[in-house]
């Protein structure tokens, strides 16, 4: 398995203010679905932060997202480990396949691959 990127997800109802703030640090908007905005560094596009008001299809807000090359293989490994699956593996309308798992610290991790 290869990790492609890790993105912190900040829960916020002030996406515009967050976009402006992170713009001061050099981030630019690269995705905006209304409920989630992702900002990235133009010099290093894998350096990202997301600001979200809620998650469109999941029951909880993920604390971070980890993009992997094979989400199905990771899902099987995580499920077999006995870790708590918070949101089962599924294809989302915005082009990702993902699931949520709770880490040992209680943080919710969104594990995904782009389709």
PDB file of N, CA and C in Angstrom:
ATOM      1  N   UNK A   1       0.836  -1.178   0.000  1.00  0.00           N
ATOM      2  CA  UNK A   1       0.000   0.000   0.000  1.00  0.00           C
ATOM      3  C   UNK A   1       0.881   1.241   0.000  1.00  0.00           C
ATOM      4  N   UNK A   2       0.443   2.237  -0.741  1.00  0.00           N
ATOM      5  CA  UNK A   2       1.147   3.507  -0.806  1.00  0.00           C
ATOM      6  C   UNK A   2       0.232   4.621  -0.317  1.00  0.00           C
ATOM      7  N   UNK A   3       0.741   5.450   0.584  1.00  0.00           N
ATOM      8  CA  UNK A   3       0.016   6.638   1.027  1.00  0.00           C
ATOM      9  C   UNK A   3       0.363   7.756   0.057  1.00  0.00           C
ATOM     10  N   UNK A   4      -0.651   8.358  -0.509  1.00  0.00           N
ATOM     11  CA  UNK A   4      -0.437   9.443  -1.483  1.00  0.00           C
ATOM     12  C   UNK A   4      -0.428  10.820  -0.840  1.00  0.00           C
ATOM     13  N   UNK A   5      -1.261  11.015   0.180  1.00  0.00           N
ATOM     14  CA  UNK A   5      -1.295  12.300   0.885  1.00  0.00           C
ATOM     15  C   UNK A   5      -2.079  12.134   2.174  1.00  0.00           C
ATOM     16  N   UNK A   6      -1.846  13.047   3.091  1.00  0.00           N
ATOM     17  CA  UNK A   6      -2.585  13.116   4.348  1.00  0.00           C
ATOM     18  C   UNK A   6      -3.060  14.560   4.489  1.00  0.00           C
ATOM     19  N   UNK A   7      -4.364  14.727   4.747  1.00  0.00           N
ATOM     20  CA  UNK A   7      -4.957  16.062   4.794  1.00  0.00           C
ATOM     21  C   UNK A   7      -5.714  16.237   6.110  1.00  0.00           C
ATOM     22  N   UNK A   8      -5.344  17.230   6.931  1.00  0.00           N
ATOM     23  CA  UNK A   8      -6.160  17.507   8.113  1.00  0.00           C
ATOM     24  C   UNK A   8      -7.500  18.102   7.682  1.00  0.00           C
ATOM     25  N   UNK A   9      -8.554  17.726   8.383  1.00  0.00           N
ATOM     26  CA  UNK A   9      -9.907  18.236   8.124  1.00  0.00           C
ATOM     27  C   UNK A   9     -10.331  19.087   9.310  1.00  0.00           C
ATOM     28  N   UNK A  10     -10.516  20.366   9.073  1.00  0.00           N
ATOM     29  CA  UNK A  10     -10.899  21.299  10.132  1.00  0.00           C
ATOM     30  C   UNK A  10     -12.397  21.537  10.047  1.00  0.00           C
ATOM     31  N   UNK A  11     -13.103  21.229  11.132  1.00  0.00           N
ATOM     32  CA  UNK A  11     -14.540  21.467  11.153  1.00  0.00           C
ATOM     33  C   UNK A  11     -14.776  22.948  11.406  1.00  0.00           C
ATOM     34  N   UNK A  12     -15.576  23.585  10.534  1.00  0.00           N
ATOM     35  CA  UNK A  12     -15.786  25.022  10.627  1.00  0.00           C
ATOM     36  C   UNK A  12     -17.061  25.423   9.898  1.00  0.00           C
ATOM     37  N   UNK A  13     -17.685  26.468  10.388  1.00  0.00           N
ATOM     38  CA  UNK A  13     -18.821  27.058   9.683  1.00  0.00           C
ATOM     39  C   UNK A  13     -18.396  28.359   9.004  1.00  0.00           C
ATOM     40  N   UNK A  14     -17.106  28.660   9.026  1.00  0.00           N
ATOM     41  CA  UNK A  14     -16.587  29.893   8.435  1.00  0.00           C
ATOM     42  C   UNK A  14     -15.549  29.573   7.362  1.00  0.00           C
ATOM     43  N   UNK A  15     -15.975  28.866   6.318  1.00  0.00           N
ATOM     44  CA  UNK A  15     -15.046  28.457   5.259  1.00  0.00           C
ATOM     45  C   UNK A  15     -14.382  29.655   4.591  1.00  0.00           C
ATOM     46  N   UNK A  16     -15.125  30.721   4.364  1.00  0.00           N
ATOM     47  CA  UNK A  16     -14.556  31.906   3.730  1.00  0.00           C
ATOM     48  C   UNK A  16     -13.434  32.519   4.549  1.00  0.00           C
ATOM     49  N   UNK A  17     -13.660  32.655   5.836  1.00  0.00           N
ATOM     50  CA  UNK A  17     -12.626  33.204   6.716  1.00  0.00           C
ATOM     51  C   UNK A  17     -11.427  32.273   6.791  1.00  0.00           C
ATOM     52  N   UNK A  18     -11.680  30.971   6.814  1.00  0.00           N
ATOM     53  CA  UNK A  18     -10.585  30.001   6.843  1.00  0.00           C
ATOM     54  C   UNK A  18      -9.782  30.054   5.548  1.00  0.00           C
ATOM     55  N   UNK A  19     -10.479  30.183   4.420  1.00  0.00           N
ATOM     56  CA  UNK A  19      -9.799  30.279   3.123  1.00  0.00           C
ATOM     57  C   UNK A  19      -8.880  31.497   3.113  1.00  0.00           C
ATOM     58  N   UNK A  20      -9.376  32.622   3.618  1.00  0.00           N
ATOM     59  CA  UNK A  20      -8.555  33.834   3.684  1.00  0.00           C
ATOM     60  C   UNK A  20      -7.350  33.647   4.601  1.00  0.00           C
ATOM     61  N   UNK A  21      -7.576  33.047   5.769  1.00  0.00           N
ATOM     62  CA  UNK A  21      -6.486  32.834   6.717  1.00  0.00           C
ATOM     63  C   UNK A  21      -5.404  31.946   6.115  1.00  0.00           C
ATOM     64  N   UNK A  22      -5.808  30.792   5.592  1.00  0.00           N
ATOM     65  CA  UNK A  22      -4.814  29.868   5.028  1.00  0.00           C
ATOM     66  C   UNK A  22      -4.186  30.428   3.755  1.00  0.00           C
ATOM     67  N   UNK A  23      -4.879  31.362   3.095  1.00  0.00           N
ATOM     68  CA  UNK A  23      -4.281  32.073   1.974  1.00  0.00           C
ATOM     69  C   UNK A  23      -3.071  32.881   2.410  1.00  0.00           C
ATOM     70  N   UNK A  24      -3.108  33.407   3.631  1.00  0.00           N
ATOM     71  CA  UNK A  24      -1.965  34.140   4.168  1.00  0.00           C
ATOM     72  C   UNK A  24      -0.741  33.232   4.299  1.00  0.00           C
ATOM     73  N   UNK A  25      -0.980  31.940   4.439  1.00  0.00           N
ATOM     74  CA  UNK A  25       0.109  30.964   4.567  1.00  0.00           C
ATOM     75  C   UNK A  25       0.524  30.390   3.214  1.00  0.00           C
ATOM     76  N   UNK A  26      -0.124  30.849   2.149  1.00  0.00           N
ATOM     77  CA  UNK A  26       0.256  30.406   0.810  1.00  0.00           C
ATOM     78  C   UNK A  26      -0.641  29.359   0.187  1.00  0.00           C
ATOM     79  N   UNK A  27      -1.747  29.007   0.849  1.00  0.00           N
ATOM     80  CA  UNK A  27      -2.663  28.005   0.304  1.00  0.00           C
ATOM     81  C   UNK A  27      -3.651  28.643  -0.662  1.00  0.00           C
ATOM     82  N   UNK A  28      -4.056  27.877  -1.676  1.00  0.00           N
ATOM     83  CA  UNK A  28      -5.078  28.311  -2.629  1.00  0.00           C
ATOM     84  C   UNK A  28      -6.155  27.239  -2.737  1.00  0.00           C
ATOM     85  N   UNK A  29      -7.381  27.665  -3.010  1.00  0.00           N
ATOM     86  CA  UNK A  29      -8.497  26.735  -3.141  1.00  0.00           C
ATOM     87  C   UNK A  29      -8.305  25.844  -4.365  1.00  0.00           C
ATOM     88  N   UNK A  30      -8.416  24.517  -4.147  1.00  0.00           N
ATOM     89  CA  UNK A  30      -8.312  23.564  -5.260  1.00  0.00           C
ATOM     90  C   UNK A  30      -9.579  22.730  -5.418  1.00  0.00           C
ATOM     91  N   UNK A  31     -10.466  22.752  -4.415  1.00  0.00           N
ATOM     92  CA  UNK A  31     -11.725  22.017  -4.490  1.00  0.00           C
ATOM     93  C   UNK A  31     -12.729  22.712  -3.584  1.00  0.00           C
ATOM     94  N   UNK A  32     -13.987  22.799  -4.052  1.00  0.00           N
ATOM     95  CA  UNK A  32     -15.037  23.382  -3.242  1.00  0.00           C
ATOM     96  C   UNK A  32     -16.351  22.692  -3.594  1.00  0.00           C
ATOM     97  N   UNK A  33     -16.853  21.879  -2.656  1.00  0.00           N
ATOM     98  CA  UNK A  33     -18.136  21.193  -2.839  1.00  0.00           C
ATOM     99  C   UNK A  33     -19.250  21.864  -2.031  1.00  0.00           C
ATOM    100  N   UNK A  34     -18.971  23.046  -1.491  1.00  0.00           N
ATOM    101  CA  UNK A  34     -19.962  23.727  -0.674  1.00  0.00           C
ATOM    102  C   UNK A  34     -19.837  23.355   0.787  1.00  0.00           C
ATOM    103  N   UNK A  35     -19.832  22.084   1.099  1.00  0.00           N
ATOM    104  CA  UNK A  35     -19.708  21.615   2.484  1.00  0.00           C
ATOM    105  C   UNK A  35     -18.258  21.325   2.868  1.00  0.00           C
ATOM    106  N   UNK A  36     -17.373  21.219   1.863  1.00  0.00           N
ATOM    107  CA  UNK A  36     -15.945  21.031   2.104  1.00  0.00           C
ATOM    108  C   UNK A  36     -15.155  21.837   1.076  1.00  0.00           C
ATOM    109  N   UNK A  37     -14.115  22.506   1.573  1.00  0.00           N
ATOM    110  CA  UNK A  37     -13.205  23.273   0.735  1.00  0.00           C
ATOM    111  C   UNK A  37     -11.799  22.750   1.009  1.00  0.00           C
ATOM    112  N   UNK A  38     -11.068  22.410  -0.051  1.00  0.00           N
ATOM    113  CA  UNK A  38      -9.686  21.973   0.115  1.00  0.00           C
ATOM    114  C   UNK A  38      -8.763  23.040  -0.440  1.00  0.00           C
ATOM    115  N   UNK A  39      -7.747  23.347   0.349  1.00  0.00           N
ATOM    116  CA  UNK A  39      -6.755  24.347  -0.003  1.00  0.00           C
ATOM    117  C   UNK A  39      -5.410  23.644  -0.136  1.00  0.00           C
ATOM    118  N   UNK A  40      -4.603  24.050  -1.125  1.00  0.00           N
ATOM    119  CA  UNK A  40      -3.312  23.412  -1.358  1.00  0.00           C
ATOM    120  C   UNK A  40      -2.239  24.442  -1.631  1.00  0.00           C
ATOM    121  N   UNK A  41      -1.021  24.046  -1.425  1.00  0.00           N
ATOM    122  CA  UNK A  41       0.125  24.880  -1.753  1.00  0.00           C
ATOM    123  C   UNK A  41       0.411  24.757  -3.241  1.00  0.00           C
ATOM    124  N   UNK A  42       0.476  25.867  -3.979  1.00  0.00           N
ATOM    125  CA  UNK A  42       0.802  25.791  -5.407  1.00  0.00           C
ATOM    126  C   UNK A  42       2.187  25.181  -5.650  1.00  0.00           C
ATOM    127  N   UNK A  43       3.119  25.412  -4.738  1.00  0.00           N
ATOM    128  CA  UNK A  43       4.478  24.897  -4.888  1.00  0.00           C
ATOM    129  C   UNK A  43       4.577  23.415  -4.545  1.00  0.00           C
ATOM    130  N   UNK A  44       3.661  22.925  -3.689  1.00  0.00           N
ATOM    131  CA  UNK A  44       3.672  21.532  -3.257  1.00  0.00           C
ATOM    132  C   UNK A  44       2.220  21.084  -3.131  1.00  0.00           C
ATOM    133  N   UNK A  45       1.584  20.688  -4.246  1.00  0.00           N
ATOM    134  CA  UNK A  45       0.148  20.401  -4.250  1.00  0.00           C
ATOM    135  C   UNK A  45      -0.311  19.319  -3.265  1.00  0.00           C
ATOM    136  N   UNK A  46       0.597  18.476  -2.796  1.00  0.00           N
ATOM    137  CA  UNK A  46       0.210  17.461  -1.816  1.00  0.00           C
ATOM    138  C   UNK A  46       0.086  18.046  -0.411  1.00  0.00           C
ATOM    139  N   UNK A  47       0.606  19.255  -0.201  1.00  0.00           N
ATOM    140  CA  UNK A  47       0.451  19.939   1.087  1.00  0.00           C
ATOM    141  C   UNK A  47      -0.922  20.598   1.086  1.00  0.00           C
ATOM    142  N   UNK A  48      -1.850  20.022   1.843  1.00  0.00           N
ATOM    143  CA  UNK A  48      -3.240  20.466   1.798  1.00  0.00           C
ATOM    144  C   UNK A  48      -3.859  20.548   3.186  1.00  0.00           C
ATOM    145  N   UNK A  49      -4.937  21.308   3.250  1.00  0.00           N
ATOM    146  CA  UNK A  49      -5.797  21.367   4.426  1.00  0.00           C
ATOM    147  C   UNK A  49      -7.233  21.495   3.907  1.00  0.00           C
ATOM    148  N   UNK A  50      -8.156  20.807   4.560  1.00  0.00           N
ATOM    149  CA  UNK A  50      -9.569  20.920   4.186  1.00  0.00           C
ATOM    150  C   UNK A  50     -10.348  21.544   5.331  1.00  0.00           C
ATOM    151  N   UNK A  51     -11.343  22.349   4.963  1.00  0.00           N
ATOM    152  CA  UNK A  51     -12.246  22.978   5.925  1.00  0.00           C
ATOM    153  C   UNK A  51     -13.642  22.506   5.567  1.00  0.00           C
ATOM    154  N   UNK A  52     -14.346  21.925   6.545  1.00  0.00           N
ATOM    155  CA  UNK A  52     -15.666  21.372   6.252  1.00  0.00           C
ATOM    156  C   UNK A  52     -16.676  21.739   7.318  1.00  0.00           C
ATOM    157  N   UNK A  53     -17.904  21.991   6.863  1.00  0.00           N
ATOM    158  CA  UNK A  53     -18.990  22.283   7.803  1.00  0.00           C
ATOM    159  C   UNK A  53     -19.589  20.998   8.359  1.00  0.00           C
ATOM    160  N   UNK A  54     -19.605  19.956   7.537  1.00  0.00           N
ATOM    161  CA  UNK A  54     -20.135  18.649   7.903  1.00  0.00           C
ATOM    162  C   UNK A  54     -19.669  17.681   6.831  1.00  0.00           C
ATOM    163  N   UNK A  55     -19.968  16.419   6.978  1.00  0.00           N
ATOM    164  CA  UNK A  55     -19.686  15.462   5.924  1.00  0.00           C
ATOM    165  C   UNK A  55     -20.999  15.127   5.240  1.00  0.00           C
ATOM    166  N   UNK A  56     -21.018  15.188   3.928  1.00  0.00           N
ATOM    167  CA  UNK A  56     -22.270  15.045   3.177  1.00  0.00           C
ATOM    168  C   UNK A  56     -22.950  13.691   3.369  1.00  0.00           C
ATOM    169  N   UNK A  57     -22.179  12.603   3.481  1.00  0.00           N
ATOM    170  CA  UNK A  57     -22.807  11.283   3.534  1.00  0.00           C
ATOM    171  C   UNK A  57     -22.471  10.466   4.775  1.00  0.00           C
ATOM    172  N   UNK A  58     -21.604  10.977   5.626  1.00  0.00           N
ATOM    173  CA  UNK A  58     -21.184  10.201   6.794  1.00  0.00           C
ATOM    174  C   UNK A  58     -21.809  10.760   8.069  1.00  0.00           C
ATOM    175  N   UNK A  59     -21.921   9.913   9.090  1.00  0.00           N
ATOM    176  CA  UNK A  59     -22.552  10.353  10.334  1.00  0.00           C
ATOM    177  C   UNK A  59     -21.662  11.204  11.233  1.00  0.00           C
ATOM    178  N   UNK A  60     -20.363  11.253  10.937  1.00  0.00           N
ATOM    179  CA  UNK A  60     -19.421  12.013  11.761  1.00  0.00           C
ATOM    180  C   UNK A  60     -18.470  12.802  10.867  1.00  0.00           C
ATOM    181  N   UNK A  61     -17.781  13.752  11.486  1.00  0.00           N
ATOM    182  CA  UNK A  61     -16.768  14.566  10.811  1.00  0.00           C
ATOM    183  C   UNK A  61     -15.418  13.861  10.950  1.00  0.00           C
ATOM    184  N   UNK A  62     -14.708  13.590   9.838  1.00  0.00           N
ATOM    185  CA  UNK A  62     -13.389  12.974   9.971  1.00  0.00           C
ATOM    186  C   UNK A  62     -12.348  14.012  10.397  1.00  0.00           C
ATOM    187  N   UNK A  63     -11.425  13.582  11.236  1.00  0.00           N
ATOM    188  CA  UNK A  63     -10.370  14.476  11.699  1.00  0.00           C
ATOM    189  C   UNK A  63      -9.266  14.644  10.656  1.00  0.00           C
ATOM    190  N   UNK A  64      -9.034  13.616   9.868  1.00  0.00           N
ATOM    191  CA  UNK A  64      -8.059  13.705   8.800  1.00  0.00           C
ATOM    192  C   UNK A  64      -8.408  12.716   7.709  1.00  0.00           C
ATOM    193  N   UNK A  65      -7.856  12.984   6.527  1.00  0.00           N
ATOM    194  CA  UNK A  65      -8.061  12.101   5.380  1.00  0.00           C
ATOM    195  C   UNK A  65      -6.716  11.550   4.950  1.00  0.00           C
ATOM    196  N   UNK A  66      -6.697  10.257   4.628  1.00  0.00           N
ATOM    197  CA  UNK A  66      -5.496   9.597   4.130  1.00  0.00           C
ATOM    198  C   UNK A  66      -5.849   8.990   2.784  1.00  0.00           C
ATOM    199  N   UNK A  67      -5.210   9.503   1.727  1.00  0.00           N
ATOM    200  CA  UNK A  67      -5.427   8.938   0.396  1.00  0.00           C
ATOM    201  C   UNK A  67      -4.412   7.833   0.173  1.00  0.00           C
ATOM    202  N   UNK A  68      -4.922   6.666  -0.230  1.00  0.00           N
ATOM    203  CA  UNK A  68      -4.072   5.495  -0.482  1.00  0.00           C
ATOM    204  C   UNK A  68      -4.284   5.017  -1.911  1.00  0.00           C
ATOM    205  N   UNK A  69      -3.381   4.161  -2.378  1.00  0.00           N
ATOM    206  CA  UNK A  69      -3.504   3.675  -3.753  1.00  0.00           C
ATOM    207  C   UNK A  69      -4.517   2.541  -3.880  1.00  0.00           C
ATOM    208  N   UNK A  70      -4.834   1.827  -2.790  1.00  0.00           N
ATOM    209  CA  UNK A  70      -5.764   0.691  -2.856  1.00  0.00           C
ATOM    210  C   UNK A  70      -6.637   0.666  -1.602  1.00  0.00           C
ATOM    211  N   UNK A  71      -7.726   1.423  -1.634  1.00  0.00           N
ATOM    212  CA  UNK A  71      -8.589   1.545  -0.462  1.00  0.00           C
ATOM    213  C   UNK A  71      -9.249   0.212  -0.102  1.00  0.00           C
ATOM    214  N   UNK A  72      -9.505  -0.638  -1.078  1.00  0.00           N
ATOM    215  CA  UNK A  72     -10.122  -1.936  -0.779  1.00  0.00           C
ATOM    216  C   UNK A  72      -9.198  -2.804   0.067  1.00  0.00           C
ATOM    217  N   UNK A  73      -7.908  -2.818  -0.266  1.00  0.00           N
ATOM    218  CA  UNK A  73      -6.937  -3.605   0.498  1.00  0.00           C
ATOM    219  C   UNK A  73      -6.793  -3.056   1.914  1.00  0.00           C
ATOM    220  N   UNK A  74      -6.776  -1.723   2.046  1.00  0.00           N
ATOM    221  CA  UNK A  74      -6.669  -1.118   3.372  1.00  0.00           C
ATOM    222  C   UNK A  74      -7.917  -1.412   4.188  1.00  0.00           C
ATOM    223  N   UNK A  75      -9.076  -1.339   3.562  1.00  0.00           N
ATOM    224  CA  UNK A  75     -10.329  -1.632   4.267  1.00  0.00           C
ATOM    225  C   UNK A  75     -10.306  -3.055   4.825  1.00  0.00           C
ATOM    226  N   UNK A  76      -9.871  -4.004   4.007  1.00  0.00           N
ATOM    227  CA  UNK A  76      -9.809  -5.403   4.454  1.00  0.00           C
ATOM    228  C   UNK A  76      -8.853  -5.547   5.639  1.00  0.00           C
ATOM    229  N   UNK A  77      -7.695  -4.920   5.565  1.00  0.00           N
ATOM    230  CA  UNK A  77      -6.721  -5.007   6.658  1.00  0.00           C
ATOM    231  C   UNK A  77      -7.253  -4.376   7.936  1.00  0.00           C
ATOM    232  N   UNK A  78      -7.882  -3.214   7.813  1.00  0.00           N
ATOM    233  CA  UNK A  78      -8.428  -2.515   8.982  1.00  0.00           C
ATOM    234  C   UNK A  78      -9.582  -3.310   9.584  1.00  0.00           C
ATOM    235  N   UNK A  79     -10.467  -3.801   8.742  1.00  0.00           N
ATOM    236  CA  UNK A  79     -11.603  -4.599   9.219  1.00  0.00           C
ATOM    237  C   UNK A  79     -11.097  -5.846   9.949  1.00  0.00           C
ATOM    238  N   UNK A  80     -10.132  -6.530   9.352  1.00  0.00           N
ATOM    239  CA  UNK A  80      -9.601  -7.758   9.956  1.00  0.00           C
ATOM    240  C   UNK A  80      -8.866  -7.495  11.263  1.00  0.00           C
ATOM    241  N   UNK A  81      -8.373  -6.265  11.448  1.00  0.00           N
ATOM    242  CA  UNK A  81      -7.662  -5.928  12.682  1.00  0.00           C
ATOM    243  C   UNK A  81      -8.613  -5.747  13.859  1.00  0.00           C
ATOM    244  N   UNK A  82      -9.904  -5.572  13.569  1.00  0.00           N
ATOM    245  CA  UNK A  82     -10.885  -5.339  14.618  1.00  0.00           C
ATOM    246  C   UNK A  82     -11.094  -3.874  14.958  1.00  0.00           C
ATOM    247  N   UNK A  83     -10.436  -2.974  14.225  1.00  0.00           N
ATOM    248  CA  UNK A  83     -10.625  -1.539  14.468  1.00  0.00           C
ATOM    249  C   UNK A  83     -12.079  -1.160  14.178  1.00  0.00           C
ATOM    250  N   UNK A  84     -12.536  -0.102  14.827  1.00  0.00           N
ATOM    251  CA  UNK A  84     -13.924   0.334  14.665  1.00  0.00           C
ATOM    252  C   UNK A  84     -14.118   1.046  13.327  1.00  0.00           C
ATOM    253  N   UNK A  85     -14.917   0.442  12.458  1.00  0.00           N
ATOM    254  CA  UNK A  85     -15.302   1.073  11.199  1.00  0.00           C
ATOM    255  C   UNK A  85     -16.477   2.000  11.513  1.00  0.00           C
ATOM    256  N   UNK A  86     -16.309   3.289  11.254  1.00  0.00           N
ATOM    257  CA  UNK A  86     -17.316   4.288  11.585  1.00  0.00           C
ATOM    258  C   UNK A  86     -18.257   4.541  10.407  1.00  0.00           C
ATOM    259  N   UNK A  87     -17.741   4.375   9.197  1.00  0.00           N
ATOM    260  CA  UNK A  87     -18.494   4.612   7.956  1.00  0.00           C
ATOM    261  C   UNK A  87     -17.990   3.562   6.965  1.00  0.00           C
ATOM    262  N   UNK A  88     -18.858   2.672   6.540  1.00  0.00           N
ATOM    263  CA  UNK A  88     -18.418   1.543   5.722  1.00  0.00           C
ATOM    264  C   UNK A  88     -17.935   1.966   4.337  1.00  0.00           C
ATOM    265  N   UNK A  89     -17.176   1.099   3.712  1.00  0.00           N
ATOM    266  CA  UNK A  89     -16.600   1.346   2.390  1.00  0.00           C
ATOM    267  C   UNK A  89     -17.698   1.570   1.364  1.00  0.00           C
ATOM    268  N   UNK A  90     -17.544   2.659   0.603  1.00  0.00           N
ATOM    269  CA  UNK A  90     -18.541   2.983  -0.423  1.00  0.00           C
ATOM    270  C   UNK A  90     -17.956   3.941  -1.451  1.00  0.00           C
ATOM    271  N   UNK A  91     -18.602   3.956  -2.609  1.00  0.00           N
ATOM    272  CA  UNK A  91     -18.266   4.911  -3.665  1.00  0.00           C
ATOM    273  C   UNK A  91     -19.105   6.162  -3.452  1.00  0.00           C
ATOM    274  N   UNK A  92     -18.453   7.320  -3.517  1.00  0.00           N
ATOM    275  CA  UNK A  92     -19.137   8.592  -3.336  1.00  0.00           C
ATOM    276  C   UNK A  92     -19.313   9.277  -4.689  1.00  0.00           C
ATOM    277  N   UNK A  93     -20.349  10.091  -4.805  1.00  0.00           N
ATOM    278  CA  UNK A  93     -20.694  10.749  -6.068  1.00  0.00           C
ATOM    279  C   UNK A  93     -19.625  11.714  -6.560  1.00  0.00           C
ATOM    280  N   UNK A  94     -18.724  12.164  -5.681  1.00  0.00           N
ATOM    281  CA  UNK A  94     -17.691  13.118  -6.100  1.00  0.00           C
ATOM    282  C   UNK A  94     -16.392  12.423  -6.520  1.00  0.00           C
ATOM    283  N   UNK A  95     -16.462  11.104  -6.770  1.00  0.00           N
ATOM    284  CA  UNK A  95     -15.355  10.409  -7.408  1.00  0.00           C
ATOM    285  C   UNK A  95     -14.348   9.721  -6.507  1.00  0.00           C
ATOM    286  N   UNK A  96     -14.704   9.504  -5.254  1.00  0.00           N
ATOM    287  CA  UNK A  96     -13.804   8.766  -4.368  1.00  0.00           C
ATOM    288  C   UNK A  96     -14.487   7.511  -3.845  1.00  0.00           C
ATOM    289  N   UNK A  97     -13.690   6.550  -3.453  1.00  0.00           N
ATOM    290  CA  UNK A  97     -14.138   5.359  -2.738  1.00  0.00           C
ATOM    291  C   UNK A  97     -13.503   5.488  -1.370  1.00  0.00           C
ATOM    292  N   UNK A  98     -14.309   5.381  -0.300  1.00  0.00           N
ATOM    293  CA  UNK A  98     -13.776   5.673   1.022  1.00  0.00           C
ATOM    294  C   UNK A  98     -14.495   4.943   2.140  1.00  0.00           C
ATOM    295  N   UNK A  99     -13.848   4.969   3.300  1.00  0.00           N
ATOM    296  CA  UNK A  99     -14.444   4.510   4.556  1.00  0.00           C
ATOM    297  C   UNK A  99     -13.816   5.316   5.684  1.00  0.00           C
ATOM    298  N   UNK A 100     -14.464   5.289   6.856  1.00  0.00           N
ATOM    299  CA  UNK A 100     -13.938   5.961   8.046  1.00  0.00           C
ATOM    300  C   UNK A 100     -13.620   4.897   9.089  1.00  0.00           C
ATOM    301  N   UNK A 101     -12.502   5.091   9.782  1.00  0.00           N
ATOM    302  CA  UNK A 101     -12.110   4.214  10.882  1.00  0.00           C
ATOM    303  C   UNK A 101     -11.679   5.082  12.056  1.00  0.00           C
ATOM    304  N   UNK A 102     -11.930   4.583  13.286  1.00  0.00           N
ATOM    305  CA  UNK A 102     -11.513   5.320  14.479  1.00  0.00           C
ATOM    306  C   UNK A 102     -10.128   4.817  14.889  1.00  0.00           C
ATOM    307  N   UNK A 103      -9.189   5.755  15.093  1.00  0.00           N
ATOM    308  CA  UNK A 103      -7.834   5.363  15.496  1.00  0.00           C
ATOM    309  C   UNK A 103      -7.799   5.119  17.007  1.00  0.00           C
ATOM    310  N   UNK A 104      -6.685   4.616  17.559  1.00  0.00           N
ATOM    311  CA  UNK A 104      -6.623   4.326  18.992  1.00  0.00           C
ATOM    312  C   UNK A 104      -6.804   5.549  19.886  1.00  0.00           C
ATOM    313  N   UNK A 105      -6.670   6.753  19.330  1.00  0.00           N
ATOM    314  CA  UNK A 105      -6.838   7.990  20.103  1.00  0.00           C
ATOM    315  C   UNK A 105      -8.252   8.541  20.020  1.00  0.00           C
ATOM    316  N   UNK A 106      -9.123   7.828  19.311  1.00  0.00           N
ATOM    317  CA  UNK A 106     -10.498   8.274  19.159  1.00  0.00           C
ATOM    318  C   UNK A 106     -10.721   9.179  17.958  1.00  0.00           C
ATOM    319  N   UNK A 107      -9.675   9.466  17.185  1.00  0.00           N
ATOM    320  CA  UNK A 107      -9.801  10.321  16.000  1.00  0.00           C
ATOM    321  C   UNK A 107     -10.372   9.510  14.842  1.00  0.00           C
ATOM    322  N   UNK A 108     -11.203  10.171  14.034  1.00  0.00           N
ATOM    323  CA  UNK A 108     -11.823   9.513  12.885  1.00  0.00           C
ATOM    324  C   UNK A 108     -10.982   9.798  11.639  1.00  0.00           C
ATOM    325  N   UNK A 109     -10.568   8.734  10.956  1.00  0.00           N
ATOM    326  CA  UNK A 109      -9.733   8.829   9.768  1.00  0.00           C
ATOM    327  C   UNK A 109     -10.542   8.441   8.542  1.00  0.00           C
ATOM    328  N   UNK A 110     -10.599   9.329   7.576  1.00  0.00           N
ATOM    329  CA  UNK A 110     -11.240   9.096   6.280  1.00  0.00           C
ATOM    330  C   UNK A 110     -10.170   8.491   5.371  1.00  0.00           C
ATOM    331  N   UNK A 111     -10.320   7.228   4.993  1.00  0.00           N
ATOM    332  CA  UNK A 111      -9.355   6.551   4.133  1.00  0.00           C
ATOM    333  C   UNK A 111      -9.991   6.462   2.743  1.00  0.00           C
ATOM    334  N   UNK A 112      -9.277   6.941   1.717  1.00  0.00           N
ATOM    335  CA  UNK A 112      -9.892   7.055   0.397  1.00  0.00           C
ATOM    336  C   UNK A 112      -8.924   6.783  -0.734  1.00  0.00           C
ATOM    337  N   UNK A 113      -9.502   6.477  -1.880  1.00  0.00           N
ATOM    338  CA  UNK A 113      -8.801   6.435  -3.163  1.00  0.00           C
ATOM    339  C   UNK A 113      -9.700   7.131  -4.170  1.00  0.00           C
ATOM    340  N   UNK A 114      -9.091   7.819  -5.113  1.00  0.00           N
ATOM    341  CA  UNK A 114      -9.876   8.384  -6.213  1.00  0.00           C
ATOM    342  C   UNK A 114     -10.177   7.279  -7.206  1.00  0.00           C
ATOM    343  N   UNK A 115     -11.396   7.275  -7.741  1.00  0.00           N
ATOM    344  CA  UNK A 115     -11.779   6.255  -8.721  1.00  0.00           C
ATOM    345  C   UNK A 115     -11.283   6.635 -10.087  1.00  0.00           C
TER     346      UNK A 115
END
